[in-house]
Structure formats: C-alpha cells, structure tokens
C-alpha atoms as a PDB file:
ATOM      1  CA  MET A   1      18.030  -1.054  65.081  1.00  0.00           C
ATOM      2  CA  SER A   2      20.006   1.865  63.703  1.00  0.00           C
ATOM      3  CA  VAL A   3      19.026   3.810  60.609  1.00  0.00           C
ATOM      4  CA  GLU A   4      22.194   2.453  58.954  1.00  0.00           C
ATOM      5  CA  SER A   5      20.625  -1.008  59.007  1.00  0.00           C
ATOM      6  CA  VAL A   6      17.541   0.029  57.040  1.00  0.00           C
ATOM      7  CA  ASN A   7      18.846  -0.977  53.635  1.00  0.00           C
ATOM      8  CA  ALA A   8      19.202  -3.998  51.379  1.00  0.00           C
ATOM      9  CA  SER A   9      22.148  -5.410  53.285  1.00  0.00           C
ATOM     10  CA  GLY A  10      20.367  -4.945  56.599  1.00  0.00           C
ATOM     11  CA  PHE A  11      17.297  -6.830  55.431  1.00  0.00           C
ATOM     12  CA  ALA A  12      19.374  -9.614  53.901  1.00  0.00           C
ATOM     13  CA  ARG A  13      21.399  -9.988  57.098  1.00  0.00           C
ATOM     14  CA  GLU A  14      18.420  -9.935  59.456  1.00  0.00           C
ATOM     15  CA  SER A  15      16.178 -12.179  57.380  1.00  0.00           C
ATOM     16  CA  LEU A  16      18.907 -14.751  56.742  1.00  0.00           C
ATOM     17  CA  ALA A  17      19.571 -14.876  60.480  1.00  0.00           C
ATOM     18  CA  VAL A  18      15.908 -15.725  61.080  1.00  0.00           C
ATOM     19  CA  LEU A  19      15.957 -18.357  58.328  1.00  0.00           C
ATOM     20  CA  ASP A  20      19.056 -19.936  59.844  1.00  0.00           C
ATOM     21  CA  ARG A  21      17.385 -19.996  63.230  1.00  0.00           C
ATOM     22  CA  ILE A  22      14.102 -21.563  62.145  1.00  0.00           C
ATOM     23  CA  THR A  23      15.729 -24.254  60.023  1.00  0.00           C
ATOM     24  CA  GLU A  24      17.200 -25.556  63.272  1.00  0.00           C
ATOM     25  CA  SER A  25      14.493 -24.694  65.820  1.00  0.00           C
ATOM     26  CA  ALA A  26      11.548 -25.870  63.711  1.00  0.00           C
ATOM     27  CA  ARG A  27      12.849 -29.357  62.905  1.00  0.00           C
ATOM     28  CA  ASP A  28      10.423 -31.195  65.190  1.00  0.00           C
ATOM     29  CA  GLU A  29       7.418 -29.213  63.959  1.00  0.00           C
ATOM     30  CA  VAL A  30       8.491 -29.657  60.328  1.00  0.00           C
ATOM     31  CA  ARG A  31       8.725 -33.405  60.892  1.00  0.00           C
ATOM     32  CA  ARG A  32       5.222 -33.464  62.376  1.00  0.00           C
ATOM     33  CA  ALA A  33       3.915 -31.336  59.502  1.00  0.00           C
ATOM     34  CA  ALA A  34       5.552 -33.719  57.041  1.00  0.00           C
ATOM     35  CA  GLU A  35       3.828 -36.667  58.681  1.00  0.00           C
ATOM     36  CA  LEU A  36       0.446 -34.976  58.160  1.00  0.00           C
ATOM     37  CA  ILE A  37       1.272 -34.328  54.505  1.00  0.00           C
ATOM     38  CA  ALA A  38       2.606 -37.844  53.877  1.00  0.00           C
ATOM     39  CA  ASP A  39      -0.387 -39.424  55.631  1.00  0.00           C
ATOM     40  CA  CYS A  40      -2.751 -37.383  53.478  1.00  0.00           C
ATOM     41  CA  VAL A  41      -1.030 -38.194  50.181  1.00  0.00           C
ATOM     42  CA  GLY A  42      -0.558 -41.845  51.154  1.00  0.00           C
ATOM     43  CA  ALA A  43      -4.285 -42.132  51.901  1.00  0.00           C
ATOM     44  CA  ASP A  44      -5.140 -40.680  48.463  1.00  0.00           C
ATOM     45  CA  GLY A  45      -6.162 -37.397  50.061  1.00  0.00           C
ATOM     46  CA  VAL A  46      -5.884 -33.858  48.751  1.00  0.00           C
ATOM     47  CA  ILE A  47      -4.117 -30.988  50.498  1.00  0.00           C
ATOM     48  CA  GLN A  48      -6.514 -28.052  50.743  1.00  0.00           C
ATOM     49  CA  ALA A  49      -4.515 -24.831  51.240  1.00  0.00           C
ATOM     50  CA  PHE A  50      -6.232 -21.639  52.352  1.00  0.00           C
ATOM     51  CA  GLY A  51      -5.137 -18.126  53.200  1.00  0.00           C
ATOM     52  CA  THR A  52      -6.140 -14.506  52.670  1.00  0.00           C
ATOM     53  CA  GLY A  53      -4.199 -11.380  51.783  1.00  0.00           C
ATOM     54  CA  HIS A  54      -0.474 -11.925  51.367  1.00  0.00           C
ATOM     55  CA  SER A  55      -0.757 -15.337  52.990  1.00  0.00           C
ATOM     56  CA  GLN A  56      -1.968 -16.470  49.579  1.00  0.00           C
ATOM     57  CA  ALA A  57       1.685 -16.345  48.503  1.00  0.00           C
ATOM     58  CA  ILE A  58       2.338 -19.319  50.771  1.00  0.00           C
ATOM     59  CA  VAL A  59      -0.816 -21.035  49.517  1.00  0.00           C
ATOM     60  CA  LEU A  60       0.583 -20.719  45.982  1.00  0.00           C
ATOM     61  CA  GLU A  61       3.754 -22.368  47.247  1.00  0.00           C
ATOM     62  CA  VAL A  62       1.697 -25.355  48.412  1.00  0.00           C
ATOM     63  CA  ALA A  63      -0.742 -25.796  45.543  1.00  0.00           C
ATOM     64  CA  GLY A  64      -0.112 -26.433  41.866  1.00  0.00           C
ATOM     65  CA  ARG A  65       3.494 -25.441  41.342  1.00  0.00           C
ATOM     66  CA  ALA A  66       6.460 -27.138  39.656  1.00  0.00           C
ATOM     67  CA  GLY A  67       8.266 -29.357  42.130  1.00  0.00           C
ATOM     68  CA  GLY A  68       5.187 -29.462  44.352  1.00  0.00           C
ATOM     69  CA  LEU A  69       2.715 -32.199  45.128  1.00  0.00           C
ATOM     70  CA  VAL A  70      -0.076 -32.833  42.630  1.00  0.00           C
ATOM     71  CA  PRO A  71      -2.992 -33.505  45.023  1.00  0.00           C
ATOM     72  CA  THR A  72      -3.379 -29.897  46.143  1.00  0.00           C
ATOM     73  CA  ASN A  73      -6.018 -27.180  45.903  1.00  0.00           C
ATOM     74  CA  ARG A  74      -5.742 -23.436  46.384  1.00  0.00           C
ATOM     75  CA  LEU A  75      -8.737 -22.097  48.294  1.00  0.00           C
ATOM     76  CA  SER A  76      -9.493 -18.377  48.494  1.00  0.00           C
ATOM     77  CA  ILE A  77     -12.295 -15.942  49.161  1.00  0.00           C
ATOM     78  CA  ALA A  78     -12.447 -15.368  45.413  1.00  0.00           C
ATOM     79  CA  ASP A  79     -13.901 -18.895  45.172  1.00  0.00           C
ATOM     80  CA  LEU A  80     -17.252 -17.341  46.091  1.00  0.00           C
ATOM     81  CA  VAL A  81     -17.200 -15.763  42.626  1.00  0.00           C
ATOM     82  CA  LEU A  82     -15.090 -18.267  40.640  1.00  0.00           C
ATOM     83  CA  TYR A  83     -16.970 -21.366  41.756  1.00  0.00           C
ATOM     84  CA  GLY A  84     -19.909 -20.162  43.818  1.00  0.00           C
ATOM     85  CA  GLY A  85     -21.594 -17.894  41.295  1.00  0.00           C
ATOM     86  CA  ASP A  86     -21.546 -14.732  43.437  1.00  0.00           C
ATOM     87  CA  ASP A  87     -21.387 -11.370  41.741  1.00  0.00           C
ATOM     88  CA  PRO A  88     -17.779 -10.085  41.616  1.00  0.00           C
ATOM     89  CA  SER A  89     -18.863  -7.017  43.592  1.00  0.00           C
ATOM     90  CA  VAL A  90     -19.057  -9.188  46.712  1.00  0.00           C
ATOM     91  CA  LEU A  91     -15.262  -9.077  46.829  1.00  0.00           C
ATOM     92  CA  ASP A  92     -15.361  -5.287  47.213  1.00  0.00           C
ATOM     93  CA  ASP A  93     -16.623  -5.652  50.776  1.00  0.00           C
ATOM     94  CA  PRO A  94     -13.651  -4.848  53.040  1.00  0.00           C
ATOM     95  CA  LEU A  95     -15.331  -6.717  55.902  1.00  0.00           C
ATOM     96  CA  LEU A  96     -16.007  -9.915  53.937  1.00  0.00           C
ATOM     97  CA  GLU A  97     -13.264 -11.790  55.807  1.00  0.00           C
ATOM     98  CA  ARG A  98     -15.061 -11.071  59.075  1.00  0.00           C
ATOM     99  CA  LYS A  99     -18.500 -12.312  58.064  1.00  0.00           C
ATOM    100  CA  PRO A 100     -19.702 -15.635  59.479  1.00  0.00           C
ATOM    101  CA  GLY A 101     -20.425 -18.398  57.014  1.00  0.00           C
ATOM    102  CA  VAL A 102     -17.860 -17.362  54.402  1.00  0.00           C
ATOM    103  CA  ALA A 103     -15.384 -20.130  55.266  1.00  0.00           C
ATOM    104  CA  GLU A 104     -18.155 -22.726  55.338  1.00  0.00           C
ATOM    105  CA  ARG A 105     -19.183 -21.773  51.805  1.00  0.00           C
ATOM    106  CA  ILE A 106     -15.595 -21.975  50.563  1.00  0.00           C
ATOM    107  CA  TYR A 107     -15.276 -25.372  52.221  1.00  0.00           C
ATOM    108  CA  ASP A 108     -18.462 -26.668  50.624  1.00  0.00           C
ATOM    109  CA  LEU A 109     -17.402 -25.490  47.168  1.00  0.00           C
ATOM    110  CA  VAL A 110     -14.341 -27.771  47.175  1.00  0.00           C
ATOM    111  CA  SER A 111     -16.221 -30.825  48.554  1.00  0.00           C
ATOM    112  CA  PRO A 112     -13.301 -32.235  50.573  1.00  0.00           C
ATOM    113  CA  ARG A 113     -13.057 -35.818  51.785  1.00  0.00           C
ATOM    114  CA  PRO A 114     -12.205 -36.732  55.404  1.00  0.00           C
ATOM    115  CA  GLU A 115      -8.686 -37.825  54.418  1.00  0.00           C
ATOM    116  CA  ASP A 116      -7.920 -34.375  53.007  1.00  0.00           C
ATOM    117  CA  LEU A 117      -5.485 -32.186  54.944  1.00  0.00           C
ATOM    118  CA  PHE A 118      -6.122 -28.464  55.458  1.00  0.00           C
ATOM    119  CA  VAL A 119      -3.082 -26.189  55.370  1.00  0.00           C
ATOM    120  CA  ILE A 120      -4.193 -22.806  56.680  1.00  0.00           C
ATOM    121  CA  VAL A 121      -1.886 -19.810  56.453  1.00  0.00           C
ATOM    122  CA  SER A 122      -2.299 -16.600  58.441  1.00  0.00           C
ATOM    123  CA  ASN A 123       0.432 -14.438  59.899  1.00  0.00           C
ATOM    124  CA  SER A 124      -1.844 -13.043  62.615  1.00  0.00           C
ATOM    125  CA  GLY A 125      -3.850 -16.230  63.064  1.00  0.00           C
ATOM    126  CA  VAL A 126      -6.887 -14.293  64.295  1.00  0.00           C
ATOM    127  CA  ASN A 127      -8.750 -13.342  61.125  1.00  0.00           C
ATOM    128  CA  SER A 128     -12.339 -14.593  61.500  1.00  0.00           C
ATOM    129  CA  VAL A 129     -12.523 -16.443  58.175  1.00  0.00           C
ATOM    130  CA  ILE A 130      -9.227 -18.181  58.956  1.00  0.00           C
ATOM    131  CA  VAL A 131     -10.370 -19.373  62.375  1.00  0.00           C
ATOM    132  CA  GLU A 132     -13.777 -20.361  60.985  1.00  0.00           C
ATOM    133  CA  MET A 133     -12.119 -22.469  58.270  1.00  0.00           C
ATOM    134  CA  ALA A 134      -9.914 -24.223  60.823  1.00  0.00           C
ATOM    135  CA  LEU A 135     -12.871 -24.939  63.100  1.00  0.00           C
ATOM    136  CA  HIS A 136     -15.022 -26.156  60.218  1.00  0.00           C
ATOM    137  CA  ALA A 137     -12.260 -28.447  58.971  1.00  0.00           C
ATOM    138  CA  LYS A 138     -11.780 -29.978  62.418  1.00  0.00           C
ATOM    139  CA  GLU A 139     -15.524 -30.471  62.855  1.00  0.00           C
ATOM    140  CA  HIS A 140     -15.482 -32.519  59.652  1.00  0.00           C
ATOM    141  CA  GLY A 141     -12.635 -34.733  60.758  1.00  0.00           C
ATOM    142  CA  HIS A 142      -9.742 -33.134  58.887  1.00  0.00           C
ATOM    143  CA  ARG A 143      -6.249 -32.616  60.213  1.00  0.00           C
ATOM    144  CA  VAL A 144      -5.150 -28.977  60.179  1.00  0.00           C
ATOM    145  CA  LEU A 145      -1.626 -27.695  59.595  1.00  0.00           C
ATOM    146  CA  ALA A 146      -1.148 -23.994  60.419  1.00  0.00           C
ATOM    147  CA  VAL A 147       1.533 -21.577  59.265  1.00  0.00           C
ATOM    148  CA  THR A 148       1.435 -18.497  61.482  1.00  0.00           C
ATOM    149  CA  SER A 149       3.507 -16.115  63.591  1.00  0.00           C
ATOM    150  CA  LEU A 150       3.368 -17.107  67.240  1.00  0.00           C
ATOM    151  CA  THR A 151       4.869 -13.748  68.186  1.00  0.00           C
ATOM    152  CA  HIS A 152       2.166 -11.792  66.371  1.00  0.00           C
ATOM    153  CA  THR A 153      -0.792 -13.986  67.299  1.00  0.00           C
ATOM    154  CA  SER A 154       0.205 -13.986  70.971  1.00  0.00           C
ATOM    155  CA  ALA A 155       0.316 -10.187  70.979  1.00  0.00           C
ATOM    156  CA  VAL A 156      -3.180  -9.536  69.602  1.00  0.00           C
ATOM    157  CA  PRO A 157      -6.677 -10.479  70.832  1.00  0.00           C
ATOM    158  CA  ALA A 158      -8.813 -13.149  69.209  1.00  0.00           C
ATOM    159  CA  SER A 159     -11.454 -11.729  66.864  1.00  0.00           C
ATOM    160  CA  HIS A 160     -13.539 -14.840  66.226  1.00  0.00           C
ATOM    161  CA  SER A 161     -16.636 -15.357  68.365  1.00  0.00           C
ATOM    162  CA  SER A 162     -15.201 -18.643  69.679  1.00  0.00           C
ATOM    163  CA  GLY A 163     -12.342 -16.753  71.311  1.00  0.00           C
ATOM    164  CA  LYS A 164      -9.914 -19.068  69.552  1.00  0.00           C
ATOM    165  CA  LYS A 165      -6.970 -18.394  67.296  1.00  0.00           C
ATOM    166  CA  LEU A 166      -5.576 -20.553  64.505  1.00  0.00           C
ATOM    167  CA  MET A 167      -2.813 -21.878  66.743  1.00  0.00           C
ATOM    168  CA  ASP A 168      -5.416 -23.131  69.237  1.00  0.00           C
ATOM    169  CA  ILE A 169      -7.122 -25.315  66.634  1.00  0.00           C
ATOM    170  CA  ALA A 170      -4.350 -26.720  64.449  1.00  0.00           C
ATOM    171  CA  ASP A 171      -2.877 -30.197  64.921  1.00  0.00           C
ATOM    172  CA  VAL A 172       0.564 -28.843  63.995  1.00  0.00           C
ATOM    173  CA  VAL A 173       1.763 -25.232  63.971  1.00  0.00           C
ATOM    174  CA  LEU A 174       4.702 -23.992  61.909  1.00  0.00           C
ATOM    175  CA  ASP A 175       5.895 -20.715  63.415  1.00  0.00           C
ATOM    176  CA  ASN A 176       7.162 -18.382  60.698  1.00  0.00           C
ATOM    177  CA  ALA A 177       9.032 -16.328  63.323  1.00  0.00           C
ATOM    178  CA  ALA A 178       7.797 -13.040  61.883  1.00  0.00           C
ATOM    179  CA  PRO A 179       7.617 -10.118  64.330  1.00  0.00           C
ATOM    180  CA  ARG A 180       4.364  -8.484  65.406  1.00  0.00           C
ATOM    181  CA  GLY A 181       3.132  -6.653  62.317  1.00  0.00           C
ATOM    182  CA  ASP A 182       5.397  -8.767  60.072  1.00  0.00           C
ATOM    183  CA  ALA A 183       7.805  -5.992  59.027  1.00  0.00           C
ATOM    184  CA  LEU A 184      11.392  -6.677  60.066  1.00  0.00           C
ATOM    185  CA  LEU A 185      13.385  -3.433  59.891  1.00  0.00           C
ATOM    186  CA  GLU A 186      12.403  -0.880  62.517  1.00  0.00           C
ATOM    187  CA  LEU A 187      12.318   2.762  61.443  1.00  0.00           C
ATOM    188  CA  PRO A 188      13.876   5.500  63.625  1.00  0.00           C
ATOM    189  CA  ASP A 189      10.594   7.336  64.285  1.00  0.00           C
ATOM    190  CA  GLY A 190       8.398   4.261  64.681  1.00  0.00           C
ATOM    191  CA  GLY A 191       6.963   1.691  62.350  1.00  0.00           C
ATOM    192  CA  ALA A 192       8.879  -0.883  60.347  1.00  0.00           C
ATOM    193  CA  VAL A 193       9.511  -1.915  56.758  1.00  0.00           C
ATOM    194  CA  CYS A 194      10.106  -5.141  54.795  1.00  0.00           C
ATOM    195  CA  ALA A 195       7.822  -8.063  55.636  1.00  0.00           C
ATOM    196  CA  LEU A 196       9.353 -11.389  56.621  1.00  0.00           C
ATOM    197  CA  SER A 197       6.538 -13.960  56.732  1.00  0.00           C
ATOM    198  CA  THR A 198       6.618 -14.872  53.035  1.00  0.00           C
ATOM    199  CA  LEU A 199      10.308 -15.790  53.115  1.00  0.00           C
ATOM    200  CA  THR A 200      10.051 -17.850  56.255  1.00  0.00           C
ATOM    201  CA  GLY A 201       6.710 -19.370  55.304  1.00  0.00           C
ATOM    202  CA  VAL A 202       8.101 -20.591  51.994  1.00  0.00           C
ATOM    203  CA  MET A 203      11.098 -22.101  53.775  1.00  0.00           C
ATOM    204  CA  LEU A 204       8.929 -23.962  56.293  1.00  0.00           C
ATOM    205  CA  VAL A 205       6.495 -25.236  53.667  1.00  0.00           C
ATOM    206  CA  GLN A 206       9.224 -26.484  51.357  1.00  0.00           C
ATOM    207  CA  MET A 207      11.044 -28.134  54.246  1.00  0.00           C
ATOM    208  CA  ALA A 208       7.829 -29.936  55.157  1.00  0.00           C
ATOM    209  CA  VAL A 209       7.247 -31.030  51.542  1.00  0.00           C
ATOM    210  CA  ALA A 210      10.819 -32.307  51.293  1.00  0.00           C
ATOM    211  CA  GLU A 211      10.457 -34.262  54.522  1.00  0.00           C
ATOM    212  CA  ALA A 212       7.050 -35.614  53.484  1.00  0.00           C
ATOM    213  CA  THR A 213       8.540 -36.785  50.188  1.00  0.00           C
ATOM    214  CA  SER A 214      11.237 -38.618  52.137  1.00  0.00           C
ATOM    215  CA  LEU A 215       8.563 -40.329  54.246  1.00  0.00           C
ATOM    216  CA  LEU A 216       6.566 -41.336  51.167  1.00  0.00           C
ATOM    217  CA  LEU A 217       9.645 -42.792  49.481  1.00  0.00           C
ATOM    218  CA  ALA A 218      10.539 -44.723  52.633  1.00  0.00           C
ATOM    219  CA  ALA A 219       7.008 -46.177  52.664  1.00  0.00           C
ATOM    220  CA  GLY A 220       7.358 -47.360  49.072  1.00  0.00           C
ATOM    221  CA  HIS A 221       5.197 -44.662  47.485  1.00  0.00           C
ATOM    222  CA  ARG A 222       6.103 -42.753  44.353  1.00  0.00           C
ATOM    223  CA  PRO A 223       5.372 -39.126  45.277  1.00  0.00           C
ATOM    224  CA  PRO A 224       3.051 -37.432  42.772  1.00  0.00           C
ATOM    225  CA  VAL A 225       5.083 -34.328  41.942  1.00  0.00           C
ATOM    226  CA  TYR A 226       4.578 -31.694  39.264  1.00  0.00           C
ATOM    227  CA  VAL A 227       7.222 -31.157  36.606  1.00  0.00           C
ATOM    228  CA  SER A 228       7.522 -27.718  35.054  1.00  0.00           C
ATOM    229  CA  ALA A 229       5.186 -27.431  32.089  1.00  0.00           C
ATOM    230  CA  ASN A 230       7.975 -25.512  30.380  1.00  0.00           C
ATOM    231  CA  VAL A 231      10.261 -28.527  29.941  1.00  0.00           C
ATOM    232  CA  PRO A 232       9.715 -31.147  27.213  1.00  0.00           C
ATOM    233  CA  GLY A 233       7.071 -33.665  28.293  1.00  0.00           C
ATOM    234  CA  GLY A 234       6.261 -31.805  31.495  1.00  0.00           C
ATOM    235  CA  PHE A 235       2.770 -30.722  30.547  1.00  0.00           C
ATOM    236  CA  GLU A 236       1.788 -34.165  29.263  1.00  0.00           C
ATOM    237  CA  GLY A 237       3.262 -35.920  32.287  1.00  0.00           C
ATOM    238  CA  ASN A 238       1.396 -33.631  34.650  1.00  0.00           C
ATOM    239  CA  LEU A 239      -1.897 -34.407  32.914  1.00  0.00           C
ATOM    240  CA  GLU A 240      -1.322 -38.105  33.541  1.00  0.00           C
ATOM    241  CA  LEU A 241      -0.636 -37.514  37.225  1.00  0.00           C
ATOM    242  CA  GLU A 242      -3.715 -35.338  37.572  1.00  0.00           C
ATOM    243  CA  LYS A 243      -6.007 -38.061  36.208  1.00  0.00           C
ATOM    244  CA  ARG A 244      -5.729 -39.850  39.552  1.00  0.00           C
ATOM    245  CA  TYR A 245      -7.411 -36.871  41.236  1.00  0.00           C
ATOM    246  CA  ALA A 246      -9.866 -35.945  38.479  1.00  0.00           C
ATOM    247  CA  GLY A 247     -12.750 -33.924  39.854  1.00  0.00           C
ATOM    248  CA  ARG A 248     -11.009 -33.465  43.211  1.00  0.00           C
ATOM    249  CA  ILE A 249      -8.380 -30.918  42.240  1.00  0.00           C
ATOM    250  CA  ARG A 250      -9.426 -27.807  40.407  1.00  0.00           C
ATOM    251  CA  ARG A 251      -6.823 -28.157  37.678  1.00  0.00           C
ATOM    252  CA  THR A 252      -8.792 -31.160  36.336  1.00  0.00           C
ATOM    253  CA  ALA A 253     -12.217 -31.332  34.759  1.00  0.00           C
ATOM    254  CA  SER A 254     -14.993 -32.377  37.138  1.00  0.00           C
END
C-alpha cells in the first residue's frame, strides 16, 4: 500500500471493500449464528456476551442497546469487582487475563442456565481468559458463538494450556476478516494504522441479530427488542420486557 493511501479516503475505501466482501462471503455463517441466537431466545435463554480489551465494543453491540435483544448480558473482567467483591486494584494486574480460574469466576457470577448462548469476541482468539470461557461454557452444555479474525488467529500460537484457540471450540465462528494485528493501512516503514475488527464485528453481529429476528418472527415469536429510552414510552416499555428475565439479566433487580 502506498503512502498516498494512508488517509481518510484510503481507510474508507479499504474498509468498505472488506465490509462488502464479508456481507456476501459470511452469509452461511451468519445464518448459522442466527439459528443459535433464535434457538436461545425461543427457549427463554439469555445471550451471555464476553470479550476483553477493544472486543468489548462488540459485546456492547450485543448486550443492552436500543434495537437489540432484551435477554442479553455483558460479561467482563471488571465483573470480579462489580459483582464479585474483589478490590478494584485487582484490575491493575496486566496479566489478569492470563490467570487460570478468572473466566470460571466470571461465569459463576452470572449463573447462566444451559439454554443460554455464549457469544465470545476476541480478534486474536488466543487470549487465555477467552479460551477458558469458551471451554467452560461448552463443559456446561452451552452453545458458543465466536467473533474472531481467522487470519490473525491462524498466524499466532495458542497461549492457553489446552493448546486450543477460540475457533477450535466454538459451534459457529464469524470471521471479522481483520488482518493480523487488526490495523488495516500499512505504513511505509513497517507497522500499520486504523483497526478494522470493530467495524466488521458490528456488521456481522447486527446481520446475525437481523436474521435471528426473521427466524423468530417466522416461528410465531414476538422478538423481545429494546426501544431507545430516549423516545416517549421507551423506558417504560423496556421495563415491561425486562420483567420476563428478572434476576437473569443484570439490568433487572435480582
């Protein structure tokens, strides 16, 4: 890539080309992801979304947003403090994501049911806490939907003691098509700038939600969907929808 392409127009052109490509190439995987989501919601399950670092942006896209499904939870390492009672200083440990047992504690804090679906987001797909969460979810009978970069994860070694990566564990994998290292625009003297995985991850997740909604409607279900709290009646309507999942989603009282 030439230095002339390292600008706003270059990023827009390159990223839109990737988005165009994945909207066509990922159709089968999106359909399979949608089936997992629809099965979960139809069975009165909750979608448990987990990621670390910037992957939490995709988790936010899944859980608790206007136009999104109501039965969703956002899981994070910060849950150790917010719900587990740990001292906030525990989050200062730069190696916390690599310590065994962390994912199991986060899992236990949300008390999932077998019908719950785990959506696990990781661009690299090799972070220990990510792999541990996927393994723990599968051991407890959950389906796992992964959002990851197959290019990146195939180019780096596994770091979990099992030797597995997220893509090896998940029932369905949505490939965000991000390059190794995530950044899209290569710099003349090495390195790259402008990450891609958030854009493509959001596209894949919203495509899957749209397709899942179609499946739910076809099955005669009324999809439980959030309305913006900033439109008249939205806040009150959302409270009514949340009552169905009281104590199971963190936006309701236990």
